[in-house]
Amino acid sequence: MEAGAIRPGYELWRPNREKPEANSARALVVFLLLISAGLALVITIGGWSRLEGGKPFALLYVALYVLFAFLVARWNRGSLPVISALAIILAIFAGIAAPAWFDRSKDGLTAPALPDDLLGLLCLVLVPVQVVLIAVAMVAFNQDWHVEEERPIGDELPPVEPPKGRGPAKSRGTGRSSTATRSGGTRRTTATRRTRKA
């Protein structure tokens, strides 16, 4: 059988994607990306007349964050480290920009579309949002969304481990074979076991 080929009667599935913590991490990363893109867009449009040379950079960040939100929603694990790297850069720029907006809040200076104090506050809010985004993206990266396993077609539930202190649990029809003995090396499936009549 060729490498990567699926056996007849089996299908590939990704068990880690069915865990509640993986779904929560994915939803949180998408939410934080969209919030970050929204804040960056409001700051860019609100301070458009006073931004010098940073307009294409800010719009590019907004577009990238929306793109990455779409990719993460489709379980793309490879984009998570890139998201963390971009979030670090954006947090640095937002932290530097916030005091500059507050310094512009003086009489005699032309105000942009939004008040300078509001733009500075939005920049300050953007910093902790990026810190949380970095942490959640790294947690999601360690959840191994990409791991694939084979299972018989039609099976929805993986075999459950028996509770401690009780006997072995019965299989749920997964059709997976169990090893009878390690020393003999022989295998027999649950379907071939028959009760002998006296």
N, C-alpha and C. Protein backbone atom coordinates (compact mmCIF):
# COMPACT_ATOMS: atom_id res chain seq x y z
N MET A 1 0.85 -1.20 0.00
CA MET A 1 0.00 0.00 0.00
C MET A 1 0.88 1.24 0.00
N GLU A 2 0.52 2.22 -0.82
CA GLU A 2 1.31 3.44 -0.92
C GLU A 2 1.21 4.26 0.36
N ALA A 3 2.28 5.03 0.60
CA ALA A 3 2.28 5.90 1.78
C ALA A 3 1.20 6.97 1.63
N GLY A 4 0.42 7.16 2.68
CA GLY A 4 -0.63 8.15 2.66
C GLY A 4 -1.95 7.65 2.09
N ALA A 5 -1.96 6.39 1.58
CA ALA A 5 -3.20 5.85 1.04
C ALA A 5 -4.11 5.38 2.17
N ILE A 6 -5.40 5.49 1.94
CA ILE A 6 -6.39 5.08 2.94
C ILE A 6 -6.85 3.67 2.61
N ARG A 7 -6.93 2.82 3.62
CA ARG A 7 -7.41 1.47 3.41
C ARG A 7 -8.86 1.46 2.98
N PRO A 8 -9.25 0.51 2.16
CA PRO A 8 -10.67 0.43 1.76
C PRO A 8 -11.56 0.23 2.97
N GLY A 9 -12.66 0.96 3.02
CA GLY A 9 -13.58 0.87 4.13
C GLY A 9 -13.24 1.78 5.29
N TYR A 10 -12.18 2.57 5.15
CA TYR A 10 -11.76 3.48 6.21
C TYR A 10 -11.79 4.91 5.69
N GLU A 11 -11.85 5.85 6.61
CA GLU A 11 -11.83 7.27 6.28
C GLU A 11 -10.90 7.99 7.25
N LEU A 12 -10.40 9.14 6.82
CA LEU A 12 -9.55 9.96 7.69
C LEU A 12 -10.41 10.90 8.51
N TRP A 13 -10.02 11.07 9.77
CA TRP A 13 -10.71 12.05 10.60
C TRP A 13 -9.68 12.69 11.52
N ARG A 14 -10.01 13.85 12.01
CA ARG A 14 -9.10 14.62 12.87
C ARG A 14 -9.73 14.72 14.25
N PRO A 15 -9.33 13.83 15.15
CA PRO A 15 -10.01 13.77 16.46
C PRO A 15 -9.83 15.02 17.30
N ASN A 16 -8.70 15.72 17.16
CA ASN A 16 -8.47 16.90 18.00
C ASN A 16 -9.40 18.05 17.65
N ARG A 17 -9.94 18.06 16.45
CA ARG A 17 -10.84 19.14 16.06
C ARG A 17 -12.22 18.98 16.68
N GLU A 18 -12.52 17.80 17.20
CA GLU A 18 -13.83 17.57 17.80
C GLU A 18 -13.85 17.89 19.30
N LYS A 19 -12.70 18.24 19.86
CA LYS A 19 -12.64 18.54 21.28
C LYS A 19 -13.22 19.94 21.55
N PRO A 20 -13.93 20.10 22.65
CA PRO A 20 -14.52 21.42 22.95
C PRO A 20 -13.47 22.52 23.11
N GLU A 21 -12.32 22.18 23.70
CA GLU A 21 -11.29 23.21 23.89
C GLU A 21 -10.72 23.69 22.55
N ALA A 22 -10.64 22.78 21.57
CA ALA A 22 -10.14 23.18 20.25
C ALA A 22 -11.14 24.11 19.56
N ASN A 23 -12.41 23.78 19.65
CA ASN A 23 -13.43 24.66 19.05
C ASN A 23 -13.47 26.02 19.74
N SER A 24 -13.29 26.03 21.06
CA SER A 24 -13.28 27.31 21.78
C SER A 24 -12.08 28.15 21.39
N ALA A 25 -10.90 27.51 21.30
CA ALA A 25 -9.69 28.25 20.92
C ALA A 25 -9.81 28.81 19.51
N ARG A 26 -10.34 28.01 18.59
CA ARG A 26 -10.50 28.49 17.22
C ARG A 26 -11.46 29.69 17.17
N ALA A 27 -12.59 29.58 17.86
CA ALA A 27 -13.57 30.68 17.85
C ALA A 27 -12.98 31.94 18.48
N LEU A 28 -12.18 31.76 19.54
CA LEU A 28 -11.59 32.93 20.21
C LEU A 28 -10.54 33.60 19.33
N VAL A 29 -9.73 32.80 18.62
CA VAL A 29 -8.74 33.39 17.72
C VAL A 29 -9.43 34.19 16.61
N VAL A 30 -10.49 33.61 16.02
CA VAL A 30 -11.22 34.31 14.97
C VAL A 30 -11.82 35.61 15.51
N PHE A 31 -12.41 35.54 16.71
CA PHE A 31 -13.02 36.73 17.31
C PHE A 31 -11.99 37.82 17.56
N LEU A 32 -10.83 37.45 18.13
CA LEU A 32 -9.79 38.44 18.42
C LEU A 32 -9.21 39.04 17.14
N LEU A 33 -9.08 38.23 16.10
CA LEU A 33 -8.59 38.75 14.83
C LEU A 33 -9.55 39.79 14.25
N LEU A 34 -10.84 39.49 14.29
CA LEU A 34 -11.82 40.43 13.76
C LEU A 34 -11.90 41.70 14.61
N ILE A 35 -11.80 41.55 15.94
CA ILE A 35 -11.79 42.73 16.81
C ILE A 35 -10.56 43.59 16.52
N SER A 36 -9.41 42.95 16.35
CA SER A 36 -8.18 43.69 16.06
C SER A 36 -8.28 44.41 14.72
N ALA A 37 -8.82 43.70 13.71
CA ALA A 37 -8.98 44.33 12.40
C ALA A 37 -9.94 45.51 12.48
N GLY A 38 -11.01 45.37 13.25
CA GLY A 38 -11.96 46.47 13.40
C GLY A 38 -11.35 47.67 14.09
N LEU A 39 -10.60 47.44 15.17
CA LEU A 39 -9.94 48.55 15.87
C LEU A 39 -8.92 49.24 14.98
N ALA A 40 -8.12 48.44 14.26
CA ALA A 40 -7.11 49.03 13.37
C ALA A 40 -7.77 49.84 12.26
N LEU A 41 -8.90 49.35 11.76
CA LEU A 41 -9.60 50.09 10.69
C LEU A 41 -10.18 51.41 11.21
N VAL A 42 -10.75 51.39 12.41
CA VAL A 42 -11.31 52.61 12.99
C VAL A 42 -10.20 53.63 13.24
N ILE A 43 -9.06 53.17 13.77
CA ILE A 43 -7.93 54.09 14.02
C ILE A 43 -7.41 54.67 12.72
N THR A 44 -7.33 53.82 11.68
CA THR A 44 -6.81 54.28 10.39
C THR A 44 -7.74 55.30 9.75
N ILE A 45 -9.04 55.00 9.72
CA ILE A 45 -9.99 55.93 9.10
C ILE A 45 -10.14 57.20 9.95
N GLY A 46 -10.20 57.01 11.28
CA GLY A 46 -10.37 58.17 12.16
C GLY A 46 -9.20 59.11 12.14
N GLY A 47 -8.00 58.63 11.94
CA GLY A 47 -6.82 59.50 11.91
C GLY A 47 -6.20 59.62 10.53
N TRP A 48 -7.01 59.36 9.49
CA TRP A 48 -6.50 59.32 8.11
C TRP A 48 -5.77 60.60 7.71
N SER A 49 -6.32 61.73 8.08
CA SER A 49 -5.73 63.00 7.64
C SER A 49 -4.41 63.31 8.33
N ARG A 50 -4.11 62.61 9.44
CA ARG A 50 -2.88 62.89 10.19
C ARG A 50 -1.88 61.74 10.13
N LEU A 51 -2.23 60.68 9.43
CA LEU A 51 -1.28 59.56 9.29
C LEU A 51 -0.29 59.90 8.18
N GLU A 52 0.98 59.70 8.46
CA GLU A 52 2.02 60.00 7.49
C GLU A 52 2.75 58.72 7.11
N GLY A 53 2.45 58.23 5.92
CA GLY A 53 3.17 57.07 5.41
C GLY A 53 2.71 55.73 5.97
N GLY A 54 1.78 55.73 6.92
CA GLY A 54 1.36 54.47 7.50
C GLY A 54 0.04 53.95 7.00
N LYS A 55 -0.56 54.65 6.03
CA LYS A 55 -1.89 54.25 5.55
C LYS A 55 -1.87 52.89 4.85
N PRO A 56 -0.97 52.64 3.88
CA PRO A 56 -0.96 51.32 3.24
C PRO A 56 -0.62 50.20 4.24
N PHE A 57 0.29 50.50 5.17
CA PHE A 57 0.67 49.50 6.18
C PHE A 57 -0.53 49.12 7.05
N ALA A 58 -1.30 50.11 7.48
CA ALA A 58 -2.46 49.85 8.34
C ALA A 58 -3.54 49.09 7.59
N LEU A 59 -3.80 49.47 6.34
CA LEU A 59 -4.81 48.76 5.55
C LEU A 59 -4.38 47.33 5.25
N LEU A 60 -3.07 47.14 5.03
CA LEU A 60 -2.56 45.78 4.80
C LEU A 60 -2.77 44.90 6.03
N TYR A 61 -2.55 45.47 7.21
CA TYR A 61 -2.77 44.71 8.44
C TYR A 61 -4.24 44.30 8.59
N VAL A 62 -5.14 45.22 8.29
CA VAL A 62 -6.57 44.91 8.38
C VAL A 62 -6.92 43.76 7.43
N ALA A 63 -6.42 43.84 6.18
CA ALA A 63 -6.70 42.79 5.21
C ALA A 63 -6.11 41.45 5.63
N LEU A 64 -4.90 41.46 6.16
CA LEU A 64 -4.27 40.21 6.61
C LEU A 64 -5.02 39.59 7.77
N TYR A 65 -5.46 40.39 8.71
CA TYR A 65 -6.19 39.86 9.86
C TYR A 65 -7.52 39.24 9.44
N VAL A 66 -8.21 39.87 8.50
CA VAL A 66 -9.47 39.29 8.01
C VAL A 66 -9.18 37.98 7.27
N LEU A 67 -8.12 37.95 6.47
CA LEU A 67 -7.74 36.72 5.76
C LEU A 67 -7.40 35.60 6.74
N PHE A 68 -6.62 35.92 7.76
CA PHE A 68 -6.24 34.90 8.74
C PHE A 68 -7.44 34.43 9.55
N ALA A 69 -8.39 35.31 9.82
CA ALA A 69 -9.60 34.88 10.51
C ALA A 69 -10.35 33.85 9.67
N PHE A 70 -10.40 34.05 8.36
CA PHE A 70 -11.04 33.09 7.46
C PHE A 70 -10.29 31.76 7.47
N LEU A 71 -8.95 31.82 7.44
CA LEU A 71 -8.16 30.59 7.42
C LEU A 71 -8.29 29.80 8.72
N VAL A 72 -8.26 30.50 9.85
CA VAL A 72 -8.39 29.81 11.14
C VAL A 72 -9.78 29.21 11.28
N ALA A 73 -10.80 29.88 10.77
CA ALA A 73 -12.15 29.32 10.81
C ALA A 73 -12.23 28.01 10.03
N ARG A 74 -11.33 27.82 9.06
CA ARG A 74 -11.26 26.58 8.29
C ARG A 74 -10.19 25.63 8.83
N TRP A 75 -9.82 25.80 10.11
CA TRP A 75 -8.88 24.92 10.82
C TRP A 75 -7.48 24.96 10.22
N ASN A 76 -7.04 26.10 9.71
CA ASN A 76 -5.68 26.23 9.21
C ASN A 76 -4.75 26.50 10.38
N ARG A 77 -3.97 25.48 10.75
CA ARG A 77 -3.09 25.59 11.92
C ARG A 77 -1.80 26.34 11.59
N GLY A 78 -1.35 26.26 10.35
CA GLY A 78 -0.08 26.87 9.98
C GLY A 78 -0.05 28.38 10.07
N SER A 79 -1.22 29.01 10.03
CA SER A 79 -1.25 30.48 10.10
C SER A 79 -1.13 31.00 11.52
N LEU A 80 -1.26 30.15 12.52
CA LEU A 80 -1.25 30.62 13.92
C LEU A 80 0.09 31.24 14.34
N PRO A 81 1.25 30.65 14.00
CA PRO A 81 2.51 31.33 14.35
C PRO A 81 2.68 32.67 13.64
N VAL A 82 2.21 32.75 12.38
CA VAL A 82 2.29 34.02 11.65
C VAL A 82 1.42 35.08 12.32
N ILE A 83 0.25 34.65 12.79
CA ILE A 83 -0.64 35.58 13.50
C ILE A 83 0.04 36.11 14.75
N SER A 84 0.71 35.23 15.48
CA SER A 84 1.40 35.67 16.70
C SER A 84 2.50 36.68 16.38
N ALA A 85 3.25 36.43 15.31
CA ALA A 85 4.33 37.36 14.94
C ALA A 85 3.76 38.72 14.53
N LEU A 86 2.69 38.71 13.74
CA LEU A 86 2.08 39.98 13.34
C LEU A 86 1.47 40.72 14.53
N ALA A 87 0.93 39.96 15.49
CA ALA A 87 0.33 40.59 16.67
C ALA A 87 1.40 41.27 17.52
N ILE A 88 2.59 40.69 17.59
CA ILE A 88 3.68 41.32 18.35
C ILE A 88 4.04 42.67 17.72
N ILE A 89 4.16 42.67 16.37
CA ILE A 89 4.52 43.92 15.68
C ILE A 89 3.43 44.98 15.87
N LEU A 90 2.16 44.55 15.73
CA LEU A 90 1.07 45.51 15.87
C LEU A 90 0.98 46.05 17.29
N ALA A 91 1.23 45.21 18.29
CA ALA A 91 1.21 45.68 19.67
C ALA A 91 2.30 46.73 19.91
N ILE A 92 3.48 46.53 19.31
CA ILE A 92 4.56 47.51 19.46
C ILE A 92 4.17 48.85 18.83
N PHE A 93 3.64 48.80 17.61
CA PHE A 93 3.25 50.03 16.92
C PHE A 93 2.12 50.74 17.64
N ALA A 94 1.15 49.97 18.15
CA ALA A 94 0.04 50.59 18.87
C ALA A 94 0.51 51.24 20.16
N GLY A 95 1.44 50.57 20.86
CA GLY A 95 1.98 51.13 22.09
C GLY A 95 2.77 52.41 21.85
N ILE A 96 3.44 52.50 20.70
CA ILE A 96 4.19 53.71 20.37
C ILE A 96 3.25 54.83 19.92
N ALA A 97 2.18 54.46 19.20
CA ALA A 97 1.28 55.47 18.63
C ALA A 97 0.37 56.11 19.67
N ALA A 98 0.03 55.37 20.73
CA ALA A 98 -0.92 55.91 21.72
C ALA A 98 -0.44 57.21 22.35
N PRO A 99 0.80 57.31 22.88
CA PRO A 99 1.23 58.59 23.46
C PRO A 99 1.28 59.72 22.44
N ALA A 100 1.57 59.37 21.17
CA ALA A 100 1.62 60.42 20.15
C ALA A 100 0.24 61.01 19.90
N TRP A 101 -0.80 60.18 19.92
CA TRP A 101 -2.15 60.71 19.76
C TRP A 101 -2.56 61.56 20.96
N PHE A 102 -2.19 61.13 22.15
CA PHE A 102 -2.52 61.94 23.34
C PHE A 102 -1.79 63.29 23.32
N ASP A 103 -0.55 63.31 22.82
CA ASP A 103 0.21 64.56 22.74
C ASP A 103 -0.40 65.55 21.76
N ARG A 104 -1.13 65.04 20.76
CA ARG A 104 -1.76 65.93 19.77
C ARG A 104 -3.01 66.59 20.31
N SER A 105 -3.52 66.14 21.44
CA SER A 105 -4.77 66.70 21.98
C SER A 105 -4.49 68.05 22.66
N LYS A 106 -4.21 69.06 21.83
CA LYS A 106 -3.89 70.40 22.33
C LYS A 106 -4.59 71.45 21.46
N ASP A 107 -4.76 72.60 22.00
CA ASP A 107 -5.35 73.70 21.24
C ASP A 107 -4.38 74.15 20.15
N GLY A 108 -4.93 74.48 19.01
CA GLY A 108 -4.11 74.98 17.91
C GLY A 108 -3.74 73.93 16.89
N LEU A 109 -3.94 72.64 17.21
CA LEU A 109 -3.65 71.56 16.26
C LEU A 109 -4.95 71.09 15.63
N THR A 110 -4.92 70.87 14.35
CA THR A 110 -6.11 70.42 13.63
C THR A 110 -6.42 68.99 14.01
N ALA A 111 -7.65 68.76 14.46
CA ALA A 111 -8.05 67.41 14.88
C ALA A 111 -8.43 66.57 13.68
N PRO A 112 -8.14 65.28 13.70
CA PRO A 112 -8.60 64.39 12.62
C PRO A 112 -10.09 64.13 12.71
N ALA A 113 -10.56 63.13 11.96
CA ALA A 113 -12.00 62.83 11.94
C ALA A 113 -12.51 62.42 13.32
N LEU A 114 -11.71 61.67 14.06
CA LEU A 114 -12.05 61.30 15.43
C LEU A 114 -11.16 62.06 16.40
N PRO A 115 -11.61 62.30 17.62
CA PRO A 115 -10.78 63.02 18.60
C PRO A 115 -9.46 62.29 18.86
N ASP A 116 -8.43 63.08 19.10
CA ASP A 116 -7.10 62.50 19.34
C ASP A 116 -7.10 61.59 20.57
N ASP A 117 -7.79 62.03 21.63
CA ASP A 117 -7.82 61.20 22.84
C ASP A 117 -8.48 59.85 22.58
N LEU A 118 -9.53 59.84 21.77
CA LEU A 118 -10.20 58.58 21.45
C LEU A 118 -9.28 57.66 20.64
N LEU A 119 -8.56 58.22 19.69
CA LEU A 119 -7.62 57.41 18.91
C LEU A 119 -6.51 56.85 19.78
N GLY A 120 -6.01 57.66 20.73
CA GLY A 120 -5.00 57.16 21.65
C GLY A 120 -5.54 56.06 22.54
N LEU A 121 -6.79 56.19 22.98
CA LEU A 121 -7.41 55.16 23.81
C LEU A 121 -7.59 53.86 23.03
N LEU A 122 -7.99 53.97 21.77
CA LEU A 122 -8.15 52.77 20.95
C LEU A 122 -6.81 52.08 20.72
N CYS A 123 -5.76 52.86 20.58
CA CYS A 123 -4.42 52.25 20.44
C CYS A 123 -4.02 51.51 21.72
N LEU A 124 -4.36 52.11 22.88
CA LEU A 124 -4.06 51.43 24.14
C LEU A 124 -4.87 50.14 24.29
N VAL A 125 -6.12 50.15 23.84
CA VAL A 125 -6.94 48.94 23.90
C VAL A 125 -6.38 47.87 22.98
N LEU A 126 -5.82 48.27 21.86
CA LEU A 126 -5.30 47.32 20.88
C LEU A 126 -4.12 46.52 21.43
N VAL A 127 -3.36 47.10 22.34
CA VAL A 127 -2.18 46.40 22.87
C VAL A 127 -2.56 45.13 23.66
N PRO A 128 -3.43 45.21 24.69
CA PRO A 128 -3.78 43.96 25.40
C PRO A 128 -4.54 42.97 24.53
N VAL A 129 -5.29 43.47 23.55
CA VAL A 129 -5.97 42.54 22.63
C VAL A 129 -4.94 41.71 21.87
N GLN A 130 -3.84 42.34 21.46
CA GLN A 130 -2.79 41.59 20.75
C GLN A 130 -2.08 40.60 21.67
N VAL A 131 -1.90 40.98 22.92
CA VAL A 131 -1.26 40.07 23.88
C VAL A 131 -2.11 38.82 24.08
N VAL A 132 -3.42 39.01 24.25
CA VAL A 132 -4.33 37.87 24.40
C VAL A 132 -4.36 37.04 23.13
N LEU A 133 -4.33 37.70 21.98
CA LEU A 133 -4.33 36.98 20.70
C LEU A 133 -3.10 36.10 20.57
N ILE A 134 -1.95 36.60 20.98
CA ILE A 134 -0.72 35.80 20.91
C ILE A 134 -0.85 34.56 21.79
N ALA A 135 -1.33 34.74 23.01
CA ALA A 135 -1.45 33.61 23.93
C ALA A 135 -2.43 32.56 23.41
N VAL A 136 -3.59 33.00 22.95
CA VAL A 136 -4.60 32.04 22.47
C VAL A 136 -4.13 31.34 21.20
N ALA A 137 -3.45 32.06 20.31
CA ALA A 137 -2.96 31.45 19.08
C ALA A 137 -1.92 30.38 19.38
N MET A 138 -1.08 30.60 20.37
CA MET A 138 -0.08 29.59 20.73
C MET A 138 -0.72 28.37 21.41
N VAL A 139 -1.74 28.61 22.21
CA VAL A 139 -2.47 27.48 22.81
C VAL A 139 -3.14 26.66 21.71
N ALA A 140 -3.76 27.34 20.75
CA ALA A 140 -4.42 26.64 19.65
C ALA A 140 -3.40 25.88 18.79
N PHE A 141 -2.22 26.45 18.61
CA PHE A 141 -1.18 25.77 17.81
C PHE A 141 -0.76 24.46 18.46
N ASN A 142 -0.73 24.42 19.78
CA ASN A 142 -0.32 23.21 20.50
C ASN A 142 -1.42 22.16 20.61
N GLN A 143 -2.60 22.45 20.07
CA GLN A 143 -3.70 21.48 20.14
C GLN A 143 -3.67 20.48 18.99
N ASP A 144 -2.71 20.61 18.08
CA ASP A 144 -2.51 19.63 16.99
C ASP A 144 -3.78 19.40 16.18
N TRP A 145 -4.27 20.46 15.56
CA TRP A 145 -5.47 20.33 14.72
C TRP A 145 -5.21 19.45 13.50
N HIS A 146 -3.94 19.30 13.11
CA HIS A 146 -3.62 18.62 11.85
C HIS A 146 -3.54 17.10 11.98
N VAL A 147 -3.55 16.55 13.19
CA VAL A 147 -3.37 15.11 13.39
C VAL A 147 -4.54 14.35 12.77
N GLU A 148 -4.20 13.34 11.95
CA GLU A 148 -5.21 12.55 11.27
C GLU A 148 -5.14 11.09 11.72
N GLU A 149 -6.27 10.45 11.80
CA GLU A 149 -6.36 9.03 12.13
C GLU A 149 -7.34 8.36 11.18
N GLU A 150 -7.18 7.03 11.06
CA GLU A 150 -8.12 6.25 10.26
C GLU A 150 -9.20 5.68 11.16
N ARG A 151 -10.41 5.62 10.63
CA ARG A 151 -11.50 4.96 11.33
C ARG A 151 -12.42 4.33 10.29
N PRO A 152 -13.10 3.26 10.65
CA PRO A 152 -14.03 2.65 9.69
C PRO A 152 -15.12 3.63 9.30
N ILE A 153 -15.51 3.60 8.04
CA ILE A 153 -16.53 4.52 7.53
C ILE A 153 -17.83 4.28 8.28
N GLY A 154 -18.43 5.35 8.74
CA GLY A 154 -19.70 5.26 9.46
C GLY A 154 -19.54 5.38 10.95
N ASP A 155 -18.33 5.19 11.48
CA ASP A 155 -18.11 5.34 12.92
C ASP A 155 -18.04 6.81 13.26
N GLU A 156 -18.73 7.21 14.32
CA GLU A 156 -18.73 8.60 14.75
C GLU A 156 -18.06 8.79 16.09
N LEU A 157 -18.10 7.76 16.93
CA LEU A 157 -17.53 7.89 18.27
C LEU A 157 -16.27 7.05 18.39
N PRO A 158 -15.19 7.61 18.94
CA PRO A 158 -13.99 6.82 19.18
C PRO A 158 -14.22 5.87 20.34
N PRO A 159 -13.43 4.79 20.45
CA PRO A 159 -13.59 3.88 21.59
C PRO A 159 -13.32 4.58 22.90
N VAL A 160 -14.16 4.29 23.90
CA VAL A 160 -14.03 4.97 25.19
C VAL A 160 -13.17 4.13 26.13
N GLU A 161 -12.36 4.82 26.93
CA GLU A 161 -11.55 4.11 27.91
C GLU A 161 -12.42 3.68 29.07
N PRO A 162 -12.18 2.48 29.61
CA PRO A 162 -13.01 2.01 30.72
C PRO A 162 -12.79 2.85 31.96
N PRO A 163 -13.84 3.10 32.75
CA PRO A 163 -13.68 3.85 34.00
C PRO A 163 -12.78 3.09 34.96
N LYS A 164 -12.07 3.84 35.79
CA LYS A 164 -11.16 3.21 36.76
C LYS A 164 -11.95 2.43 37.80
N GLY A 165 -11.46 1.25 38.12
CA GLY A 165 -12.10 0.43 39.15
C GLY A 165 -13.16 -0.50 38.60
N ARG A 166 -13.43 -0.43 37.30
CA ARG A 166 -14.40 -1.32 36.69
C ARG A 166 -13.74 -2.16 35.62
N GLY A 167 -14.50 -3.10 35.13
CA GLY A 167 -13.98 -3.99 34.11
C GLY A 167 -13.83 -3.27 32.80
N PRO A 168 -13.24 -3.93 31.79
CA PRO A 168 -13.06 -3.28 30.49
C PRO A 168 -14.39 -3.01 29.84
N ALA A 169 -14.51 -1.81 29.23
CA ALA A 169 -15.76 -1.43 28.60
C ALA A 169 -15.91 -2.12 27.26
N LYS A 170 -17.14 -2.33 26.86
CA LYS A 170 -17.39 -2.96 25.57
C LYS A 170 -17.14 -1.95 24.47
N SER A 171 -16.66 -2.46 23.35
CA SER A 171 -16.40 -1.56 22.23
C SER A 171 -17.71 -1.13 21.62
N ARG A 172 -17.70 0.05 20.97
CA ARG A 172 -18.91 0.61 20.40
C ARG A 172 -19.00 0.36 18.91
N GLY A 173 -18.57 -0.77 18.48
CA GLY A 173 -18.72 -1.10 17.07
C GLY A 173 -17.76 -0.38 16.17
N THR A 174 -16.58 -0.09 16.67
CA THR A 174 -15.62 0.61 15.83
C THR A 174 -14.93 -0.34 14.87
N GLY A 175 -15.02 -1.61 15.12
CA GLY A 175 -14.42 -2.56 14.21
C GLY A 175 -12.93 -2.64 14.32
N ARG A 176 -12.33 -2.11 15.39
CA ARG A 176 -10.88 -2.13 15.55
C ARG A 176 -10.47 -3.41 16.26
N SER A 177 -9.37 -3.95 15.84
CA SER A 177 -8.93 -5.23 16.39
C SER A 177 -8.18 -5.02 17.67
N SER A 178 -8.20 -6.02 18.51
CA SER A 178 -7.47 -5.97 19.77
C SER A 178 -6.48 -7.11 19.82
N THR A 179 -5.33 -6.88 20.38
CA THR A 179 -4.29 -7.89 20.43
C THR A 179 -4.56 -8.85 21.57
N ALA A 180 -4.55 -10.13 21.25
CA ALA A 180 -4.84 -11.14 22.27
C ALA A 180 -3.65 -11.33 23.19
N THR A 181 -2.49 -11.58 22.63
CA THR A 181 -1.30 -11.76 23.45
C THR A 181 -0.16 -11.04 22.79
N ARG A 182 0.74 -10.50 23.60
CA ARG A 182 1.92 -9.83 23.04
C ARG A 182 3.00 -10.83 22.68
N SER A 183 3.12 -11.92 23.46
CA SER A 183 4.20 -12.87 23.23
C SER A 183 3.94 -13.70 21.99
N GLY A 184 2.69 -14.16 21.81
CA GLY A 184 2.39 -15.01 20.68
C GLY A 184 2.31 -14.24 19.38
N GLY A 185 1.97 -12.94 19.45
CA GLY A 185 1.90 -12.13 18.26
C GLY A 185 0.65 -12.38 17.43
N THR A 186 -0.31 -13.16 17.93
CA THR A 186 -1.53 -13.43 17.16
C THR A 186 -2.56 -12.38 17.49
N ARG A 187 -3.40 -12.06 16.49
CA ARG A 187 -4.46 -11.08 16.67
C ARG A 187 -5.80 -11.73 16.35
N ARG A 188 -6.81 -11.37 17.06
CA ARG A 188 -8.14 -11.81 16.73
C ARG A 188 -9.10 -10.67 17.03
N THR A 189 -10.06 -10.50 16.20
CA THR A 189 -10.99 -9.40 16.37
C THR A 189 -12.16 -9.84 17.22
N THR A 190 -12.90 -8.85 17.71
CA THR A 190 -14.06 -9.17 18.54
C THR A 190 -15.14 -9.85 17.73
N ALA A 191 -15.11 -9.62 16.40
CA ALA A 191 -16.15 -10.23 15.58
C ALA A 191 -15.94 -11.73 15.40
N THR A 192 -14.67 -12.24 15.59
CA THR A 192 -14.40 -13.65 15.39
C THR A 192 -14.56 -14.47 16.65
N ARG A 193 -14.79 -13.80 17.77
CA ARG A 193 -14.93 -14.55 19.01
C ARG A 193 -16.30 -15.21 19.07
N ARG A 194 -16.37 -16.45 19.42
CA ARG A 194 -17.60 -17.20 19.53
C ARG A 194 -17.67 -17.90 20.87
N THR A 195 -18.80 -17.97 21.44
CA THR A 195 -18.95 -18.69 22.70
C THR A 195 -19.13 -20.17 22.39
N ARG A 196 -18.43 -20.96 23.14
CA ARG A 196 -18.51 -22.40 22.94
C ARG A 196 -19.62 -22.98 23.79
N LYS A 197 -20.40 -23.84 23.14
CA LYS A 197 -21.48 -24.50 23.87
C LYS A 197 -20.92 -25.76 24.55
N ALA A 198 -21.44 -26.03 25.75
CA ALA A 198 -20.98 -27.20 26.49
C ALA A 198 -21.52 -28.48 25.86
